[in-house]
């Protein structure tokens, strides 16, 4: 027995694959023989998951994520791009460096380079956290299109008690604004006691749903180290030439 929503999602994907170019919502609904509201809901989900792209409020197209699933595996494709950057950060700071992928309202850890220092916190690849509790998640979501960002904020805040959702939303929106202004995300002891993280999105490297972070015990996070980490992560988020040169 087939599941209707899955059938419809793949109908849309197949229409886009056959077209070989972005299509408007009206065209997609007609070609897939779906009601326009249904097609729109499915496209929003596919876009949030990274399988479909959309330029502003324009046409929809397939993303490279589908290609990576077949040829390399999603994680492997992103690791190839992020690996050199992670190695540079690890060599510079000797702290744990993480690669995270946004999946729905969660961050999934896809790769980790461990610090050689004795006191450390290591997350295992495959582990997941709600995006808004992590620097990785906030670094990604802060730079997503406004409509997509608003949906993720709503879904994330729905996990809080009803009486606290308005406050949670305001706090998260402020954190995302700060992240955009700073060029990286900082999180201190929100996910794990005694651990801080600084993260940068990889959108400048073609991976809008991925980010890398440096995790560091708070006692090794004085002002000078904070400034150095923020500076390094801002170089990553801007894809500065210094990052390319160091990772070459």
Protein backbone atom coordinates (compact mmCIF):
# COMPACT_ATOMS: atom_id res chain seq x y z
CA UNK A 1 0.00 0.00 0.00
CA UNK A 2 1.45 3.36 -0.99
CA UNK A 3 1.41 6.45 1.21
CA UNK A 4 -0.33 9.32 -0.56
CA UNK A 5 1.91 12.19 0.54
CA UNK A 6 5.05 10.27 -0.50
CA UNK A 7 3.51 9.48 -3.88
CA UNK A 8 2.71 13.16 -4.38
CA UNK A 9 6.15 14.34 -3.30
CA UNK A 10 7.85 12.04 -5.78
CA UNK A 11 5.43 13.09 -8.51
CA UNK A 12 6.64 16.66 -8.05
CA UNK A 13 10.29 15.58 -7.99
CA UNK A 14 9.80 13.58 -11.20
CA UNK A 15 8.11 16.52 -12.93
CA UNK A 16 11.06 18.77 -12.05
CA UNK A 17 13.52 16.12 -13.19
CA UNK A 18 11.79 15.74 -16.56
CA UNK A 19 11.55 19.49 -17.07
CA UNK A 20 15.26 20.01 -16.49
CA UNK A 21 14.58 23.60 -15.42
CA UNK A 22 12.79 25.49 -12.64
CA UNK A 23 8.99 25.58 -12.86
CA UNK A 24 6.37 27.86 -11.34
CA UNK A 25 3.91 26.50 -8.79
CA UNK A 26 1.03 26.60 -11.28
CA UNK A 27 3.01 24.56 -13.82
CA UNK A 28 4.08 22.02 -11.22
CA UNK A 29 0.56 21.55 -9.92
CA UNK A 30 -0.78 21.04 -13.45
CA UNK A 31 1.99 18.63 -14.52
CA UNK A 32 1.77 16.56 -11.34
CA UNK A 33 -2.06 16.66 -11.39
CA UNK A 34 -2.20 17.94 -7.82
CA UNK A 35 -4.29 20.72 -6.30
CA UNK A 36 -2.24 23.88 -6.09
CA UNK A 37 -2.42 24.13 -2.25
CA UNK A 38 -1.25 20.51 -1.93
CA UNK A 39 1.65 21.06 -4.31
CA UNK A 40 2.61 24.21 -2.42
CA UNK A 41 2.70 22.44 0.95
CA UNK A 42 4.83 19.61 -0.43
CA UNK A 43 7.21 22.03 -2.14
CA UNK A 44 7.68 23.96 1.11
CA UNK A 45 8.64 20.74 2.90
CA UNK A 46 11.01 19.68 0.11
CA UNK A 47 12.59 23.13 0.17
CA UNK A 48 13.03 23.06 3.95
CA UNK A 49 14.75 19.68 3.63
CA UNK A 50 17.05 21.01 0.92
CA UNK A 51 15.82 18.91 -2.02
CA UNK A 52 14.18 21.82 -3.85
CA UNK A 53 15.43 25.36 -4.36
CA UNK A 54 13.44 28.54 -4.93
CA UNK A 55 14.65 31.96 -6.00
CA UNK A 56 12.72 34.37 -3.78
CA UNK A 57 9.06 33.67 -4.46
CA UNK A 58 9.77 32.45 -7.98
CA UNK A 59 10.10 29.09 -9.71
CA UNK A 60 11.11 25.84 -8.03
CA UNK A 61 14.00 23.62 -9.10
CA UNK A 62 15.80 20.51 -7.90
CA UNK A 63 18.85 21.07 -5.70
CA UNK A 64 22.20 19.32 -5.83
CA UNK A 65 21.27 17.42 -2.69
CA UNK A 66 19.45 14.75 -4.74
CA UNK A 67 22.52 14.32 -6.92
CA UNK A 68 24.73 13.92 -3.87
CA UNK A 69 22.48 11.20 -2.46
CA UNK A 70 23.05 9.03 -5.51
CA UNK A 71 26.68 9.65 -6.33
CA UNK A 72 28.40 10.19 -2.98
CA UNK A 73 25.90 10.11 -0.17
CA UNK A 74 24.76 13.36 1.38
CA UNK A 75 27.21 13.34 4.27
CA UNK A 76 30.20 12.44 2.13
CA UNK A 77 29.50 15.25 -0.34
CA UNK A 78 29.33 17.86 2.41
CA UNK A 79 32.35 16.42 4.25
CA UNK A 80 34.46 16.86 1.11
CA UNK A 81 33.69 20.59 1.14
CA UNK A 82 33.87 21.08 4.89
CA UNK A 83 36.79 18.77 5.70
CA UNK A 84 39.61 21.17 4.73
CA UNK A 85 37.98 24.03 6.65
CA UNK A 86 37.51 21.83 9.70
CA UNK A 87 41.15 20.74 9.57
CA UNK A 88 42.32 24.37 9.44
CA UNK A 89 40.23 25.25 12.52
CA UNK A 90 41.40 22.14 14.36
CA UNK A 91 45.04 22.95 13.65
CA UNK A 92 44.59 26.57 14.76
CA UNK A 93 42.69 25.99 18.01
CA UNK A 94 43.06 22.28 18.88
CA UNK A 95 39.43 22.15 19.96
CA UNK A 96 36.67 19.84 18.75
CA UNK A 97 35.30 20.81 15.33
CA UNK A 98 31.81 19.69 14.25
CA UNK A 99 29.91 19.53 10.97
CA UNK A 100 26.14 19.79 11.29
CA UNK A 101 23.30 19.44 8.78
CA UNK A 102 19.86 20.98 9.22
CA UNK A 103 17.13 18.37 8.88
CA UNK A 104 13.69 19.74 9.67
CA UNK A 105 13.99 21.48 13.05
CA UNK A 106 17.01 19.37 14.04
CA UNK A 107 20.74 19.61 13.57
CA UNK A 108 22.33 16.25 12.83
CA UNK A 109 26.05 15.93 13.47
CA UNK A 110 27.65 14.49 10.33
CA UNK A 111 31.36 14.65 11.14
CA UNK A 112 33.58 15.46 14.12
CA UNK A 113 37.32 16.11 14.51
CA UNK A 114 38.24 15.61 18.17
CA UNK A 115 40.55 17.84 20.19
CA UNK A 116 43.76 16.28 21.50
CA UNK A 117 43.31 18.03 24.85
CA UNK A 118 42.28 15.88 27.82
CA UNK A 119 39.20 17.83 28.94
CA UNK A 120 36.67 17.75 26.11
CA UNK A 121 33.10 17.17 25.06
CA UNK A 122 32.58 15.01 22.00
CA UNK A 123 29.27 14.55 20.21
CA UNK A 124 28.94 11.41 18.13
CA UNK A 125 28.10 11.59 14.41
CA UNK A 126 24.40 10.87 13.97
CA UNK A 127 23.36 12.61 17.18
CA UNK A 128 20.69 15.31 16.85
CA UNK A 129 19.74 18.49 18.71
CA UNK A 130 16.95 21.00 18.15
CA UNK A 131 18.45 23.65 15.89
CA UNK A 132 17.62 26.63 18.12
CA UNK A 133 19.62 25.24 21.05
CA UNK A 134 22.83 25.03 19.01
CA UNK A 135 25.23 27.48 17.42
CA UNK A 136 25.26 25.22 14.34
CA UNK A 137 21.51 25.49 13.91
CA UNK A 138 21.33 29.20 14.50
CA UNK A 139 24.20 29.84 12.08
CA UNK A 140 22.26 28.06 9.32
CA UNK A 141 18.74 29.32 9.99
CA UNK A 142 19.85 32.95 10.43
CA UNK A 143 20.79 33.04 6.74
CA UNK A 144 17.81 31.20 5.24
CA UNK A 145 15.10 32.99 3.25
CA UNK A 146 12.68 34.90 5.47
CA UNK A 147 9.65 32.68 4.81
CA UNK A 148 11.57 29.45 5.43
CA UNK A 149 13.14 30.90 8.57
CA UNK A 150 9.74 31.94 9.94
CA UNK A 151 8.33 28.43 9.49
CA UNK A 152 11.28 26.86 11.29
CA UNK A 153 10.99 29.34 14.15
CA UNK A 154 7.29 28.52 14.52
CA UNK A 155 7.97 24.77 14.54
CA UNK A 156 10.85 25.11 17.01
CA UNK A 157 8.86 27.28 19.42
CA UNK A 158 5.96 24.82 19.27
CA UNK A 159 8.16 22.45 21.31
CA UNK A 160 7.98 24.89 24.27
CA UNK A 161 5.03 25.02 26.70
CA UNK A 162 2.21 27.09 25.21
CA UNK A 163 2.54 29.87 27.80
CA UNK A 164 6.23 30.30 26.95
CA UNK A 165 6.04 30.28 23.14
CA UNK A 166 5.77 34.04 22.62
CA UNK A 167 8.81 34.66 24.81
CA UNK A 168 10.71 31.79 23.17
CA UNK A 169 9.99 33.19 19.71
CA UNK A 170 11.18 36.68 20.63
CA UNK A 171 14.36 35.26 22.15
CA UNK A 172 15.08 33.10 19.10
CA UNK A 173 14.40 35.89 16.63
CA UNK A 174 16.78 38.14 18.57
CA UNK A 175 19.45 35.42 18.57
CA UNK A 176 19.13 34.96 14.80
CA UNK A 177 19.37 38.70 14.20
CA UNK A 178 22.51 38.85 16.34
CA UNK A 179 23.95 35.92 14.42
CA UNK A 180 23.39 37.63 11.07
CA UNK A 181 24.95 40.84 12.32
CA UNK A 182 27.97 39.12 13.88
CA UNK A 183 28.57 36.75 10.96
CA UNK A 184 28.64 33.68 13.20
CA UNK A 185 26.67 32.11 16.06
CA UNK A 186 27.77 31.77 19.68
CA UNK A 187 26.18 29.41 22.18
CA UNK A 188 27.32 28.99 25.77
CA UNK A 189 26.11 26.10 27.93
CA UNK A 190 22.69 25.93 26.25
CA UNK A 191 23.09 22.36 24.96
CA UNK A 192 25.72 21.00 27.36
CA UNK A 193 26.78 22.48 30.71
CA UNK A 194 30.35 23.75 30.66
CA UNK A 195 30.63 23.84 26.86
CA UNK A 196 30.55 26.78 24.45
CA UNK A 197 30.33 26.67 20.64
CA UNK A 198 31.02 29.14 17.85
CA UNK A 199 29.60 28.26 14.42
CA UNK A 200 29.61 29.51 10.85
CA UNK A 201 27.27 28.62 7.97
CA UNK A 202 28.61 27.03 4.80
CA UNK A 203 26.28 28.85 2.43
CA UNK A 204 29.25 30.60 0.82
CA UNK A 205 30.53 27.12 -0.10
CA UNK A 206 27.24 26.05 -1.69
CA UNK A 207 25.81 24.24 1.37
CA UNK A 208 23.04 26.44 2.78
CA UNK A 209 21.81 23.71 5.15
CA UNK A 210 25.22 22.98 6.69
CA UNK A 211 27.50 24.66 9.22
CA UNK A 212 30.71 23.97 11.11
CA UNK A 213 31.43 24.80 14.74
CA UNK A 214 34.22 24.73 17.28
CA UNK A 215 33.22 23.31 20.69
CA UNK A 216 35.29 24.42 23.66
CA UNK A 217 35.06 24.06 27.45
CA UNK A 218 34.03 27.41 28.93
CA UNK A 219 37.16 27.60 31.07
CA UNK A 220 39.20 27.67 27.82
CA UNK A 221 36.97 30.41 26.38
CA UNK A 222 38.35 33.72 27.72
CA UNK A 223 37.90 37.00 25.86
CA UNK A 224 40.99 36.61 23.68
CA UNK A 225 39.99 33.12 22.58
CA UNK A 226 36.43 34.27 21.92
CA UNK A 227 37.66 37.09 19.69
CA UNK A 228 39.98 34.74 17.78
CA UNK A 229 37.24 32.14 17.22
CA UNK A 230 34.71 34.74 16.09
CA UNK A 231 37.25 36.18 13.66
CA UNK A 232 38.01 32.72 12.24
CA UNK A 233 34.33 31.82 11.87
CA UNK A 234 33.52 35.10 10.16
CA UNK A 235 36.20 34.28 7.60
CA UNK A 236 34.46 30.96 6.99
CA UNK A 237 31.00 32.51 6.62
CA UNK A 238 32.37 35.02 4.10
CA UNK A 239 34.55 32.40 2.35
CA UNK A 240 37.51 34.80 2.60
CA UNK A 241 40.54 34.11 0.46
CA UNK A 242 42.49 33.44 3.65
CA UNK A 243 40.25 30.44 4.32
CA UNK A 244 40.70 29.08 0.80
CA UNK A 245 44.45 29.53 0.98
CA UNK A 246 44.73 27.84 4.37
CA UNK A 247 42.60 24.88 3.32
CA UNK A 248 44.26 24.37 -0.08
